[in-house]
Protein backbone atom coordinates (compact mmCIF):
# COMPACT_ATOMS: atom_id res chain seq x y z
CA MET A 1 -65.42 -107.94 110.13
CA GLU A 2 -63.39 -105.49 108.62
CA LEU A 3 -64.67 -104.20 104.87
CA ARG A 4 -61.84 -103.10 102.60
CA ILE A 5 -61.23 -102.47 98.61
CA ASN A 6 -59.02 -103.20 96.00
CA PRO A 7 -57.64 -102.22 92.83
CA HIS A 8 -59.18 -104.67 90.00
CA HIS A 9 -59.16 -104.29 86.45
CA LYS A 10 -63.15 -104.59 86.13
CA ASN A 11 -65.63 -103.93 87.91
CA SER A 12 -67.65 -106.64 89.46
CA PHE A 13 -70.80 -105.36 90.35
CA PRO A 14 -73.45 -103.51 87.99
CA ILE A 15 -72.68 -99.83 87.92
CA GLY A 16 -75.42 -98.05 89.82
CA GLY A 17 -74.22 -94.64 91.06
CA ILE A 18 -72.13 -91.46 90.52
CA LEU A 19 -69.95 -89.30 92.64
CA ILE A 20 -69.53 -85.92 92.61
CA LYS A 21 -66.29 -84.12 93.85
CA ASP A 22 -67.44 -80.80 94.95
CA ALA A 23 -68.72 -78.91 98.21
CA SER A 24 -71.34 -76.80 96.22
CA VAL A 25 -74.40 -78.01 95.54
CA ARG A 26 -75.23 -75.58 92.75
CA GLN A 27 -71.94 -77.40 91.19
CA TRP A 28 -73.97 -80.90 91.46
CA MET A 29 -77.15 -79.37 89.91
CA LYS A 30 -75.02 -78.17 87.18
CA GLU A 31 -73.07 -81.15 86.58
CA MET A 32 -76.77 -83.21 86.46
CA GLN A 33 -77.93 -80.87 84.02
CA ARG A 34 -74.13 -81.26 81.78
CA MET A 35 -74.87 -84.90 82.06
CA ASN A 36 -78.17 -84.82 80.89
CA LEU A 37 -79.32 -86.32 84.60
CA ILE A 38 -83.02 -86.16 84.94
CA SER A 39 -84.08 -84.53 88.87
CA GLU A 40 -86.98 -87.12 89.37
CA ASN A 41 -84.91 -90.23 89.02
CA CYS A 42 -81.96 -89.31 91.06
CA GLN A 43 -81.50 -89.65 94.42
CA ILE A 44 -78.69 -87.32 95.87
CA PHE A 45 -76.81 -88.11 98.93
CA PRO A 46 -74.20 -85.40 100.78
CA ILE A 47 -71.13 -87.01 101.74
CA PRO A 48 -68.86 -85.15 104.35
CA GLY A 49 -65.23 -84.51 104.35
CA THR A 50 -62.71 -86.32 106.61
CA THR A 51 -62.89 -82.77 108.47
CA ALA A 52 -65.50 -80.97 110.73
CA ASN A 53 -68.23 -79.47 109.06
CA SER A 54 -67.25 -80.26 106.00
CA VAL A 55 -68.33 -81.52 102.36
CA TRP A 56 -66.73 -84.03 100.01
CA GLY A 57 -68.74 -84.02 97.90
CA CYS A 58 -72.23 -86.18 96.77
CA LEU A 59 -73.44 -89.79 95.54
CA ILE A 60 -76.41 -89.19 93.17
CA ILE A 61 -78.12 -92.96 92.85
CA TYR A 62 -79.81 -92.86 89.25
CA ALA A 63 -82.38 -94.95 88.00
CA GLY A 64 -82.09 -94.25 84.36
CA LYS A 65 -79.37 -94.82 81.69
CA ILE A 66 -76.00 -93.12 82.34
CA ASP A 67 -73.74 -91.95 79.41
CA ASN A 68 -70.26 -92.80 80.12
CA TYR A 69 -69.04 -89.77 77.26
CA LEU A 70 -70.83 -87.27 79.31
CA LEU A 71 -69.10 -88.11 82.65
CA GLY A 72 -66.45 -85.84 82.68
CA LYS A 73 -64.36 -85.86 85.46
CA ASN A 74 -67.22 -87.32 87.92
CA GLU A 75 -66.72 -90.58 88.66
CA LEU A 76 -68.95 -94.06 88.75
CA CYS A 77 -69.65 -96.65 91.45
CA GLN A 78 -70.68 -99.96 91.61
CA GLN A 79 -73.57 -101.00 93.58
CA VAL A 80 -72.80 -104.15 95.27
CA SER A 81 -76.65 -104.41 97.45
CA SER A 82 -79.57 -102.27 97.64
CA ASN A 83 -77.44 -100.10 99.99
CA PHE A 84 -73.97 -100.41 99.82
CA PHE A 85 -71.95 -98.81 97.04
CA ILE A 86 -67.82 -99.04 96.12
CA PRO A 87 -65.72 -97.12 93.10
CA GLU A 88 -65.82 -98.29 89.81
CA LYS A 89 -62.78 -100.95 89.02
CA THR A 90 -62.34 -101.94 92.59
CA ILE A 91 -62.67 -105.02 94.36
CA LEU A 92 -64.17 -105.55 97.95
CA TYR A 93 -62.38 -107.62 100.97
CA PRO A 94 -63.63 -110.03 101.76
CA ALA A 95 -66.33 -111.30 99.94
CA VAL A 96 -69.82 -111.33 100.95
CA THR A 97 -72.93 -111.96 100.15
CA GLU A 98 -76.16 -109.16 99.34
CA LYS A 99 -78.20 -111.06 102.12
CA GLU A 100 -74.65 -110.51 104.60
CA MET A 101 -74.40 -106.84 103.62
CA GLU A 102 -77.82 -105.78 103.86
CA SER A 103 -77.79 -107.60 107.71
CA ALA A 104 -74.34 -106.22 108.67
CA LEU A 105 -75.13 -102.62 107.49
CA GLY A 106 -79.20 -101.86 108.09
CA SER A 107 -81.61 -100.22 106.50
CA ALA A 108 -79.03 -97.03 105.64
CA MET A 109 -76.92 -96.43 102.35
CA HIS A 110 -73.58 -96.78 102.93
CA ILE A 111 -70.52 -96.21 100.43
CA ILE A 112 -66.69 -96.74 100.87
CA HIS A 113 -63.50 -94.82 99.30
CA PRO A 114 -59.94 -94.06 99.51
CA ASP A 115 -60.63 -90.40 100.57
CA PHE A 116 -63.14 -90.65 102.80
CA GLY A 117 -63.32 -94.37 104.19
CA MET A 118 -66.45 -96.16 104.91
CA THR A 119 -69.65 -93.58 105.24
CA ALA A 120 -73.55 -93.82 106.27
CA LEU A 121 -75.75 -92.37 104.10
CA THR A 122 -77.91 -91.22 105.95
CA ASP A 123 -80.93 -88.52 104.79
CA ALA A 124 -81.30 -87.91 100.83
CA LEU A 125 -81.24 -84.06 99.85
CA ASP A 126 -84.27 -82.49 98.91
CA LEU A 127 -83.78 -80.74 95.88
CA ASP A 128 -86.92 -78.25 95.97
CA GLN A 129 -85.35 -76.67 99.43
CA TYR A 130 -82.37 -74.97 97.65
CA ILE A 131 -83.92 -74.03 93.62
CA GLU A 132 -86.35 -71.02 93.98
CA LEU A 133 -88.32 -70.68 90.92
CA PRO A 134 -88.18 -67.51 89.54
CA ALA A 135 -91.42 -64.96 89.45
CA SER A 136 -93.96 -65.55 86.81
CA GLY A 137 -94.34 -62.68 84.25
CA LEU A 138 -97.04 -62.11 81.58
CA ALA A 139 -94.89 -62.98 78.49
CA ALA A 140 -95.44 -61.28 75.28
CA VAL A 141 -96.33 -64.00 72.28
CA THR A 142 -95.81 -62.85 68.92
CA VAL A 143 -98.47 -64.91 66.63
CA PRO A 144 -96.98 -65.83 63.31
CA GLU A 145 -99.12 -65.38 60.03
CA GLN A 146 -101.08 -67.85 58.72
CA GLY A 147 -98.55 -70.03 56.22
CA ALA A 148 -99.51 -70.12 52.56
CA PHE A 149 -100.94 -73.70 52.16
CA ILE A 150 -98.58 -75.87 49.41
CA PRO A 151 -101.18 -78.47 48.28
CA SER A 152 -99.97 -82.50 47.51
CA SER A 153 -101.40 -81.88 44.08
CA ILE A 154 -103.12 -79.53 42.00
CA HIS A 155 -106.34 -80.26 40.27
CA ALA A 156 -107.39 -77.08 38.66
CA PHE A 157 -106.59 -73.44 38.71
CA GLN A 158 -108.54 -69.83 37.27
CA ILE A 159 -107.89 -66.47 37.55
CA LYS A 160 -108.91 -63.77 39.49
CA SER A 161 -110.74 -60.97 37.56
CA LEU A 162 -110.71 -57.07 38.27
CA SER A 163 -113.72 -55.20 38.39
CA PRO A 164 -115.23 -54.09 35.07
CA GLU A 165 -114.62 -50.05 36.65
CA GLU A 166 -110.64 -51.11 37.76
CA VAL A 167 -110.03 -52.87 33.97
CA LEU A 168 -111.53 -49.91 32.68
CA LYS A 169 -109.37 -47.49 34.77
CA ASN A 170 -106.58 -49.53 33.65
CA LEU A 171 -106.70 -49.00 30.42
CA GLU A 172 -107.16 -45.15 30.69
CA GLU A 173 -104.48 -44.62 32.97
CA ASN A 174 -101.63 -47.36 31.87
CA ILE A 175 -102.42 -48.20 28.39
CA PHE A 176 -104.13 -45.56 26.52
CA PRO A 177 -102.40 -42.39 25.26
CA LYS A 178 -101.98 -39.31 27.39
CA LYS A 179 -103.64 -36.14 26.68
CA GLU A 180 -101.27 -33.83 24.48
CA LYS A 181 -101.45 -30.16 24.06
CA ILE A 182 -100.29 -28.59 20.52
CA LYS A 183 -98.00 -25.69 21.22
CA GLU A 184 -97.91 -24.04 17.91
CA GLU A 185 -99.67 -20.59 18.27
CA PRO A 186 -101.39 -18.61 15.83
CA LEU A 187 -99.91 -16.40 13.57
CA THR A 188 -99.54 -12.59 14.20
CA ILE A 189 -100.63 -9.97 12.03
CA PHE A 190 -96.77 -9.31 11.39
CA GLU A 191 -96.79 -12.66 9.95
CA LYS A 192 -99.91 -13.21 8.16
CA LEU A 193 -98.46 -10.31 6.53
CA LYS A 194 -95.26 -12.01 5.65
CA LEU A 195 -96.74 -14.85 4.97
CA GLY A 196 -98.95 -13.43 1.88
CA PHE A 197 -95.72 -11.80 0.69
CA TYR A 198 -94.21 -15.43 0.78
CA LYS A 199 -97.05 -16.46 -1.09
CA LEU A 200 -96.80 -13.96 -3.90
CA LEU A 201 -92.97 -14.33 -4.27
CA PHE A 202 -92.88 -18.12 -4.20
CA SER A 203 -95.91 -18.93 -6.43
CA LYS A 204 -95.21 -20.12 -9.30
CA SER A 205 -96.89 -21.74 -12.61
CA VAL A 206 -96.44 -25.39 -13.50
CA ASN A 207 -98.80 -26.65 -16.05
CA GLY A 208 -101.10 -23.84 -15.22
CA ARG A 209 -101.50 -24.76 -11.98
CA GLU A 210 -100.84 -22.59 -8.79
CA THR A 211 -98.61 -24.48 -6.35
CA ASP A 212 -97.30 -22.89 -2.78
CA GLY A 213 -93.12 -22.60 -2.54
CA ALA A 214 -93.02 -25.74 -0.61
CA ALA A 215 -92.08 -27.80 -3.21
CA LEU A 216 -90.14 -25.12 -4.86
CA ARG A 217 -86.64 -26.97 -4.02
CA ASN A 218 -87.59 -29.94 -5.74
CA GLN A 219 -88.73 -27.80 -8.61
CA THR A 220 -86.56 -26.74 -12.07
CA GLU A 221 -89.63 -25.06 -13.74
CA SER A 222 -89.29 -21.18 -14.67
CA ILE A 223 -90.91 -18.60 -12.42
CA ALA A 224 -94.28 -17.42 -13.66
CA PRO A 225 -93.56 -14.00 -15.65
CA ALA A 226 -94.42 -11.13 -13.58
CA ASN A 227 -94.44 -7.16 -13.74
CA GLY A 228 -92.75 -4.26 -12.00
CA LEU A 229 -90.10 -4.49 -9.22
CA LEU A 230 -91.72 -8.08 -7.84
CA SER A 231 -90.79 -9.86 -11.40
CA LYS A 232 -87.14 -8.38 -10.65
CA PHE A 233 -86.83 -9.63 -7.53
CA GLN A 234 -87.99 -13.01 -8.05
CA SER A 235 -85.38 -12.86 -10.92
CA TRP A 236 -83.36 -12.55 -8.56
CA LEU A 237 -84.27 -14.79 -6.67
CA HIS A 238 -84.17 -17.15 -8.57
CA ARG A 239 -81.03 -16.76 -9.54
CA ILE A 240 -79.50 -17.47 -6.08
CA SER A 241 -82.04 -19.86 -5.26
CA ASN A 242 -78.73 -22.32 -4.18
CA ASN A 243 -77.66 -20.11 -1.23
CA ARG A 244 -78.50 -20.28 2.08
CA PHE A 245 -80.43 -16.84 2.47
CA SER A 246 -83.15 -18.53 -0.50
CA LYS A 247 -83.70 -21.73 1.03
CA LYS A 248 -83.75 -19.90 4.90
CA LEU A 249 -86.53 -18.25 3.17
CA GLN A 250 -88.61 -21.08 1.15
CA GLN A 251 -88.12 -22.65 5.21
CA ASP A 252 -89.57 -19.81 7.06
CA PHE A 253 -92.13 -19.40 4.31
CA GLU A 254 -93.02 -23.79 5.11
CA ASP A 255 -93.45 -22.86 8.68
CA LEU A 256 -95.66 -20.15 8.32
CA GLU A 257 -97.99 -22.39 6.19
CA LYS A 258 -97.89 -25.26 8.65
CA ARG A 259 -99.20 -23.17 11.70
CA ASN A 260 -101.89 -21.74 9.22
CA GLN A 261 -102.88 -24.93 8.20
CA LYS A 262 -106.43 -26.11 9.45
CA GLN A 263 -106.55 -28.07 12.56
CA ILE A 264 -108.57 -31.41 10.83
CA ASP A 265 -105.95 -30.67 7.67
CA LYS A 266 -103.15 -30.56 10.81
CA LEU A 267 -104.66 -33.51 12.60
CA MET A 268 -104.76 -35.52 9.23
CA ASP A 269 -101.48 -35.05 8.62
CA LEU A 270 -100.10 -36.12 11.50
CA PHE A 271 -102.00 -39.47 11.32
CA LYS A 272 -99.98 -39.99 8.08
CA ASN A 273 -96.61 -39.12 9.56
CA ASN A 274 -96.37 -40.03 13.22
CA LEU A 275 -99.38 -42.47 13.91
CA GLU A 276 -98.33 -42.48 17.62
CA GLU A 277 -98.38 -38.97 18.25
CA ALA A 278 -101.55 -38.31 16.59
CA LEU A 279 -103.43 -40.79 18.79
CA LYS A 280 -102.75 -37.94 21.07
CA TYR A 281 -104.73 -35.35 19.46
CA ALA A 282 -107.45 -37.68 18.08
CA ILE A 283 -110.95 -36.52 18.53
CA PRO A 284 -114.23 -39.39 18.79
CA LEU A 285 -116.34 -39.26 15.83
CA ASP A 286 -120.44 -39.59 16.56
CA GLU A 287 -122.83 -41.81 14.66
CA GLY A 288 -124.21 -38.37 13.27
CA GLY A 289 -121.19 -36.91 11.43
CA THR A 290 -120.12 -34.47 14.41
CA ALA A 291 -117.31 -34.69 16.47
CA ARG A 292 -117.47 -34.18 20.39
CA GLY A 293 -115.57 -31.92 22.76
CA GLY A 294 -115.04 -28.58 21.15
CA ASN A 295 -117.01 -25.83 20.31
CA GLN A 296 -119.92 -25.09 17.97
CA SER A 297 -118.07 -23.07 15.26
CA SER A 298 -115.07 -24.26 16.20
CA PHE A 299 -112.09 -27.11 16.79
CA ASP A 300 -109.71 -27.31 18.60
CA LEU A 301 -107.15 -29.94 19.08
CA THR A 302 -106.91 -29.77 22.64
CA LYS A 303 -110.11 -30.37 23.53
CA ARG A 304 -110.55 -34.20 22.64
CA TRP A 305 -111.40 -37.14 23.54
CA MET A 306 -109.53 -37.08 27.10
CA ASP A 307 -112.82 -35.46 27.96
CA LEU A 308 -114.62 -38.35 27.68
CA SER A 309 -115.40 -40.60 31.03
CA TRP A 310 -113.98 -44.42 30.53
CA LEU A 311 -116.93 -45.91 33.05
CA HIS A 312 -119.94 -44.57 30.86
CA HIS A 313 -120.69 -44.02 27.65
CA ALA A 314 -119.54 -40.37 26.01
CA LYS A 315 -121.49 -37.43 26.59
CA GLY A 316 -119.35 -34.58 25.21
CA SER A 317 -117.33 -31.83 27.12
CA ALA A 318 -118.53 -29.45 29.56
CA SER A 319 -116.89 -27.05 27.24
CA GLY A 320 -119.08 -27.36 24.18
CA GLY A 321 -121.09 -28.89 22.20
CA SER A 322 -120.99 -30.87 18.87
CA ILE A 323 -118.81 -29.72 15.76
CA ASP A 324 -119.92 -30.36 12.07
CA LEU A 325 -117.15 -31.81 10.15
CA GLY A 326 -118.90 -32.12 7.30
CA ASN A 327 -116.92 -33.57 4.70
CA HIS A 328 -113.83 -34.23 7.16
CA TYR A 329 -115.96 -36.83 9.03
CA TYR A 330 -115.73 -39.45 6.03
CA ASP A 331 -111.73 -38.54 5.92
CA LEU A 332 -110.89 -39.05 9.90
CA GLN A 333 -113.13 -42.44 9.73
CA ARG A 334 -111.57 -43.60 7.17
CA GLN A 335 -108.25 -42.47 8.49
CA TYR A 336 -109.14 -44.23 11.80
CA TYR A 337 -109.99 -47.40 10.29
CA ALA A 338 -106.50 -47.65 8.34
CA SER A 339 -104.48 -46.40 11.63
CA ALA A 340 -106.86 -49.54 13.55
CA GLN A 341 -105.79 -52.25 10.98
CA GLU A 342 -102.13 -50.72 10.81
CA LEU A 343 -102.08 -50.74 14.65
CA LEU A 344 -103.43 -55.05 14.51
CA ASP A 345 -100.83 -55.79 11.64
CA LYS A 346 -98.33 -54.33 13.86
CA LYS A 347 -99.83 -56.86 16.88
CA GLU A 348 -100.45 -53.53 19.09
CA TYR A 349 -103.69 -54.75 19.83
CA GLN A 350 -104.60 -52.08 22.89
CA LYS A 351 -103.65 -48.97 20.68
CA ALA A 352 -105.84 -50.41 18.25
CA ALA A 353 -108.84 -51.04 20.53
CA PHE A 354 -108.54 -47.25 21.75
CA VAL A 355 -108.76 -46.28 18.16
CA TYR A 356 -112.13 -48.67 17.45
CA LEU A 357 -113.67 -47.76 20.96
CA LYS A 358 -112.46 -43.95 21.59
CA LEU A 359 -112.24 -42.79 18.56
CA LEU A 360 -114.75 -44.82 16.19
CA LYS A 361 -116.87 -46.02 18.81
CA ASN A 362 -117.05 -49.29 17.38
CA TYR A 363 -117.03 -51.26 20.62
CA HIS A 364 -117.38 -54.71 18.81
CA SER A 365 -114.17 -54.26 17.01
CA ALA A 366 -113.07 -52.53 20.14
CA ALA A 367 -113.45 -56.11 21.68
CA GLN A 368 -112.15 -58.32 18.97
CA ALA A 369 -108.79 -56.86 18.83
CA LEU A 370 -108.35 -57.05 22.39
CA GLU A 371 -109.50 -60.69 22.27
CA SER A 372 -107.12 -61.06 19.59
CA GLY A 373 -104.06 -59.49 21.76
CA LYS A 374 -105.44 -62.43 24.55
CA TYR A 375 -106.05 -60.08 26.53
CA TYR A 376 -109.66 -61.46 27.48
CA GLN A 377 -110.75 -59.60 30.69
CA GLU A 378 -110.43 -56.49 28.81
CA ALA A 379 -112.27 -57.50 25.87
CA ALA A 380 -114.56 -59.68 27.99
CA THR A 381 -115.46 -56.02 30.42
CA ILE A 382 -115.84 -54.54 26.54
CA TYR A 383 -118.03 -57.05 25.54
CA VAL A 384 -120.36 -56.68 28.55
CA LYS A 385 -120.27 -52.70 28.87
CA HIS A 386 -120.58 -51.68 25.96
CA ALA A 387 -121.26 -54.04 23.08
CA GLY A 388 -123.89 -55.83 25.20
CA ASN A 389 -122.05 -59.51 24.67
CA LYS A 390 -122.52 -61.38 26.91
CA LEU A 391 -121.72 -64.88 24.92
CA LYS A 392 -118.69 -63.42 23.80
CA ALA A 393 -117.78 -62.16 26.77
CA ALA A 394 -118.17 -65.43 28.59
CA GLU A 395 -116.04 -66.90 25.97
CA CYS A 396 -112.79 -64.41 26.81
CA TYR A 397 -113.65 -65.15 30.42
CA GLU A 398 -113.20 -68.51 29.94
CA HIS A 399 -109.96 -68.57 27.45
CA GLY A 400 -108.48 -66.04 30.25
CA LYS A 401 -108.87 -68.87 32.72
CA MET A 402 -111.36 -66.53 35.02
CA THR A 403 -113.73 -69.20 35.33
CA ASP A 404 -116.07 -67.95 37.94
CA GLU A 405 -116.69 -65.06 35.80
CA ALA A 406 -117.64 -66.79 32.75
CA ILE A 407 -119.42 -69.67 35.03
CA MET A 408 -121.95 -66.63 35.98
CA LEU A 409 -122.44 -65.15 32.27
CA TYR A 410 -123.04 -68.70 31.09
CA LYS A 411 -125.97 -69.09 33.64
CA GLU A 412 -127.15 -65.85 33.03
CA LEU A 413 -127.34 -66.55 29.20
CA ASN A 414 -128.81 -70.63 29.99
CA GLU A 415 -125.83 -72.44 28.72
CA ASN A 416 -126.58 -75.24 30.98
CA GLU A 417 -123.57 -77.48 29.32
CA LYS A 418 -120.84 -75.14 29.59
CA VAL A 419 -121.51 -74.50 32.96
CA GLY A 420 -121.26 -78.04 33.68
CA ASP A 421 -118.25 -78.05 31.64
CA LEU A 422 -116.67 -75.15 33.47
CA TYR A 423 -117.31 -76.49 36.94
CA VAL A 424 -115.39 -79.72 36.08
CA SER A 425 -112.41 -77.85 35.21
CA ILE A 426 -112.20 -76.41 38.49
CA ASN A 427 -112.84 -80.21 40.09
CA LYS A 428 -116.43 -79.09 41.33
CA ASN A 429 -117.66 -82.28 39.98
CA LYS A 430 -120.86 -82.34 42.30
CA ASP A 431 -121.97 -78.28 40.47
CA ALA A 432 -121.33 -79.72 37.55
CA ASN A 433 -123.85 -82.54 37.77
CA VAL A 434 -126.63 -80.35 38.81
CA TYR A 435 -126.54 -78.32 35.41
CA TYR A 436 -125.83 -81.51 33.33
CA GLU A 437 -129.21 -82.58 34.78
CA LYS A 438 -130.58 -79.82 33.20
CA VAL A 439 -129.49 -80.19 30.10
CA VAL A 440 -130.44 -83.92 30.15
CA ASP A 441 -134.10 -82.64 31.26
CA ASP A 442 -133.78 -80.52 27.95
CA TYR A 443 -133.26 -82.91 25.45
CA LYS A 444 -135.86 -85.37 27.33
CA LEU A 445 -138.48 -82.09 26.51
CA ARG A 446 -137.23 -82.06 22.89
CA ASN A 447 -137.23 -85.78 22.78
CA GLN A 448 -133.56 -85.77 22.02
CA TYR A 449 -132.94 -89.03 23.62
CA ILE A 450 -129.60 -89.88 21.95
CA LYS A 451 -127.93 -86.57 23.06
CA ALA A 452 -128.99 -86.96 26.88
CA SER A 453 -127.77 -90.11 26.82
CA LEU A 454 -124.39 -89.14 25.78
CA ILE A 455 -124.56 -86.70 28.25
CA TYR A 456 -125.16 -88.90 31.17
CA LYS A 457 -122.30 -91.46 29.63
CA ASN A 458 -119.59 -88.61 28.78
CA LYS A 459 -120.22 -86.04 31.14
CA ILE A 460 -121.71 -87.82 34.27
CA LYS A 461 -120.01 -90.76 33.91
CA ASN A 462 -123.71 -92.29 34.39
CA THR A 463 -123.63 -95.65 31.98
CA ILE A 464 -126.74 -97.07 33.66
CA GLY A 465 -128.51 -94.00 33.46
CA ALA A 466 -127.61 -93.47 29.83
CA GLN A 467 -128.97 -96.95 28.71
CA ALA A 468 -132.13 -96.35 30.82
CA LEU A 469 -132.26 -93.25 28.42
CA LEU A 470 -132.37 -94.63 25.47
CA LEU A 471 -134.21 -97.65 26.51
CA ASP A 472 -137.00 -95.30 27.25
CA GLY A 473 -136.63 -93.66 23.88
CA TRP A 474 -136.83 -96.69 21.88
CA ARG A 475 -140.12 -97.99 24.27
CA THR A 476 -141.69 -93.90 23.42
CA ASN A 477 -140.89 -94.78 19.79
CA ARG A 478 -138.76 -91.53 20.03
CA ASP A 479 -135.83 -92.52 17.38
CA ALA A 480 -136.72 -95.30 18.02
CA SER A 481 -134.21 -97.47 15.80
CA ASN A 482 -131.60 -95.16 16.59
CA CYS A 483 -131.98 -95.45 20.48
CA LEU A 484 -131.98 -99.66 20.52
CA ASN A 485 -129.00 -99.61 18.10
CA ASN A 486 -126.86 -97.10 20.24
CA TYR A 487 -128.26 -98.99 23.41
CA PHE A 488 -126.86 -102.35 21.97
CA SER A 489 -123.80 -100.73 20.95
CA ASN A 490 -122.69 -99.91 24.63
CA ILE A 491 -122.78 -103.35 25.20
CA SER A 492 -119.08 -105.04 24.89
CA ASP A 493 -119.66 -108.33 25.93
CA LEU A 494 -121.08 -110.36 23.61
CA LYS A 495 -123.09 -113.06 26.00
CA ILE A 496 -124.26 -110.02 28.08
CA LEU A 497 -125.37 -108.04 24.69
CA LYS A 498 -126.97 -111.55 23.66
CA ASN A 499 -129.03 -112.21 26.82
CA GLU A 500 -129.91 -107.56 26.44
CA ILE A 501 -131.94 -108.21 22.61
CA HIS A 502 -133.85 -111.47 23.93
CA ASP A 503 -135.11 -109.19 26.63
CA VAL A 504 -136.05 -106.50 24.13
CA TYR A 505 -137.72 -109.00 21.27
CA HIS A 506 -139.54 -110.51 24.07
CA ASN A 507 -140.63 -107.78 26.41
CA ASP A 508 -140.69 -104.93 23.95
CA VAL A 509 -141.62 -106.53 20.10
CA THR A 510 -144.74 -105.66 18.74
CA GLU A 511 -146.42 -105.41 15.58
CA HIS A 512 -146.20 -101.75 15.53
CA ASN A 513 -142.21 -101.84 15.65
CA SER A 514 -141.26 -105.20 14.60
CA GLU A 515 -139.63 -104.09 11.36
CA VAL A 516 -137.51 -100.90 13.43
CA PHE A 517 -136.21 -104.45 15.71
CA LEU A 518 -135.41 -106.40 12.57
CA THR A 519 -133.50 -103.42 11.20
CA VAL A 520 -131.65 -103.29 14.42
CA ILE A 521 -130.96 -106.48 14.64
CA GLU A 522 -129.92 -106.53 10.84
CA HIS A 523 -127.14 -103.98 11.81
CA GLU A 524 -125.93 -106.51 14.70
CA TYR A 525 -125.90 -109.69 12.40
CA LYS A 526 -123.54 -107.81 10.17
CA LYS A 527 -121.34 -107.57 12.02
CA GLY A 528 -120.28 -111.39 11.49
CA ASN A 529 -119.55 -112.03 15.07
CA GLU A 530 -121.07 -115.21 17.10
CA LEU A 531 -124.19 -113.69 17.59
CA ALA A 532 -124.92 -113.51 13.38
CA GLU A 533 -126.77 -117.23 13.39
CA PRO A 534 -129.10 -116.14 16.60
CA MET A 535 -129.85 -112.77 15.34
CA ARG A 536 -131.22 -114.91 11.85
CA GLU A 537 -133.45 -116.87 13.78
CA ILE A 538 -135.18 -113.91 15.50
CA ALA A 539 -135.56 -112.61 12.51
CA TYR A 540 -136.85 -115.49 10.95
CA GLU A 541 -139.27 -115.59 14.01
CA ILE A 542 -140.66 -112.36 13.60
CA VAL A 543 -141.59 -112.37 10.18
CA ALA A 544 -143.33 -115.87 10.69
CA LYS A 545 -145.78 -113.93 13.12
CA ASN A 546 -146.39 -110.69 11.19
CA VAL A 547 -145.95 -112.31 7.66
CA GLU A 548 -150.42 -112.70 7.31
CA LYS A 549 -151.11 -109.33 8.55
CA ASN A 550 -147.94 -107.49 6.61
CA PRO A 551 -147.14 -109.66 3.93
CA PHE A 552 -144.28 -107.30 2.49
CA ILE A 553 -141.86 -107.91 6.35
CA VAL A 554 -140.43 -110.72 4.58
CA SER A 555 -138.71 -108.60 2.14
CA MET A 556 -136.16 -107.81 5.21
CA LEU A 557 -135.15 -111.27 5.21
CA LYS A 558 -132.96 -110.11 2.85
CA GLY A 559 -130.51 -108.47 5.26
CA PHE A 560 -129.93 -111.68 6.62
CA ASN A 561 -129.59 -114.19 3.54
CA LYS A 562 -127.49 -112.11 0.81
CA ASN A 563 -125.69 -115.00 -0.55
CA ASP A 564 -129.04 -117.04 -0.93
CA THR A 565 -130.53 -116.25 -4.67
CA GLN A 566 -133.42 -119.04 -3.95
CA LEU A 567 -135.04 -117.22 -0.95
CA LEU A 568 -134.92 -113.90 -2.89
CA LYS A 569 -137.04 -114.97 -6.08
CA ASP A 570 -139.41 -116.92 -3.39
CA THR A 571 -139.68 -113.46 -0.98
CA MET A 572 -140.63 -111.46 -4.80
CA LYS A 573 -142.85 -114.13 -5.35
CA TYR A 574 -144.69 -114.21 -2.07
CA LYS A 575 -144.70 -110.45 -2.35
CA GLN A 576 -146.34 -110.81 -5.38
CA GLN A 577 -148.97 -113.15 -4.69
CA ALA A 578 -149.85 -110.52 -1.71
CA LYS A 579 -150.35 -107.71 -4.17
CA ASN A 580 -152.71 -109.99 -6.42
CA LYS A 581 -154.93 -110.84 -3.52
CA THR A 582 -155.22 -107.23 -2.04
CA LYS A 583 -156.56 -105.87 -5.77
């Protein structure tokens, strides 16, 4: 039987393979890679050419899906039977069945093609024989840094504080004024003689008082009479007082006077004229009316507060001891307080804190200034290190969201409820409940059952525990009326409330606490709901049981019958009869 193929407009058999026309195994593998063929799913059969020892290409039988858009110049094959292939868009003639084809061709693969005719494909290609793996080596692996964790939701946040030493160091180095040295030099002998001459020359009498030449340009009074050459020179100078030479002499006189001024006076003037500059030369005051940082006999503005350490209490400079300022101490103190207030008014809180802390040694005011400016970490540090006020320090840490530090201080102060509140703010409810339980225990020791129940109800969110505490307070007669009233008020369902009132009435009410119970149910009666009538019935029962031993209990029925005038009269009559019997 002669088989041949003819062109056809469609495929008659399923696609089962790919033809690659190329003699190179390397090219076959490149094409397989380009077409995304998985080598494990491929059977590759080389196809011989029409001349001896030549290769036309290969047939790839592929078990997976073939993507036509990746086919390129390669050609698809139809699978007529399990062992026979023909090109796509062709038809086999004559038509044969699959059984006939398998019987005629045997087990070997066959393909028929116009280029090379009918060919048997005996052996599949073993790719492992053609693939040489590269030599393995140690690869340098760079592990990336752990990425930042981004939570899906934020329940709390807090600020990590610096150590107290770092906070104080930052204030000293970056916030507070730096040390400066006054550049003026003391007067020479010649300058002192010249100053004495100027004083004689420019002194005048105004209303009987001596004034210096600094105000000469603003005065119109005549120069005081003088004798001899000096008098004539003064008269001549007065006539030319508006010319340039006279003004130059006056300016020289003022400069010499300023340089000859006492150091304390210079500092006081500097505070009045230039507060920012004055802070660079200011000296600290001690409580004993002295200043530290200078010599025993004199005061030098260059030896000032920077000789003190921020991290410890002031101990004085190594270059000298204390200076007795006399009345100047109080002048400086008043000036420092005024300057601090001026800085506060300008909202320069850190500089105001410097004046209080370094110059006045008023640690509490320094911390308050920083707290007013919302410098909570700095304020807390001063409260702890210098003022010894841990409660204020804890409050500052709390306001500044430095929760861990606030918790630590509140624990030292046994402020257990605050500790619990702060743990809740950072989503640590289990830790919070530990400290809330301590608060409850403390309230119970002081017989404050209502406060203890509120901690259970509002903080621990344990309503059952809160109700149990209120019942305990009622049963142990610890503020019994308020405890029972709160117990009933916490029950919103009227049916449950009715049952609870009956349970308490039958199980807990005795002749000793019956009046307290009547007071509580009277409160429920006045609400005017569906429980009003049952409350009145209970009231009558209690009065009936206790009236023989306690006749005056009948007066409590008035709260349940305000509009019944006859009952009120009968009650008054009964009480009067009871009084007469006791007589």
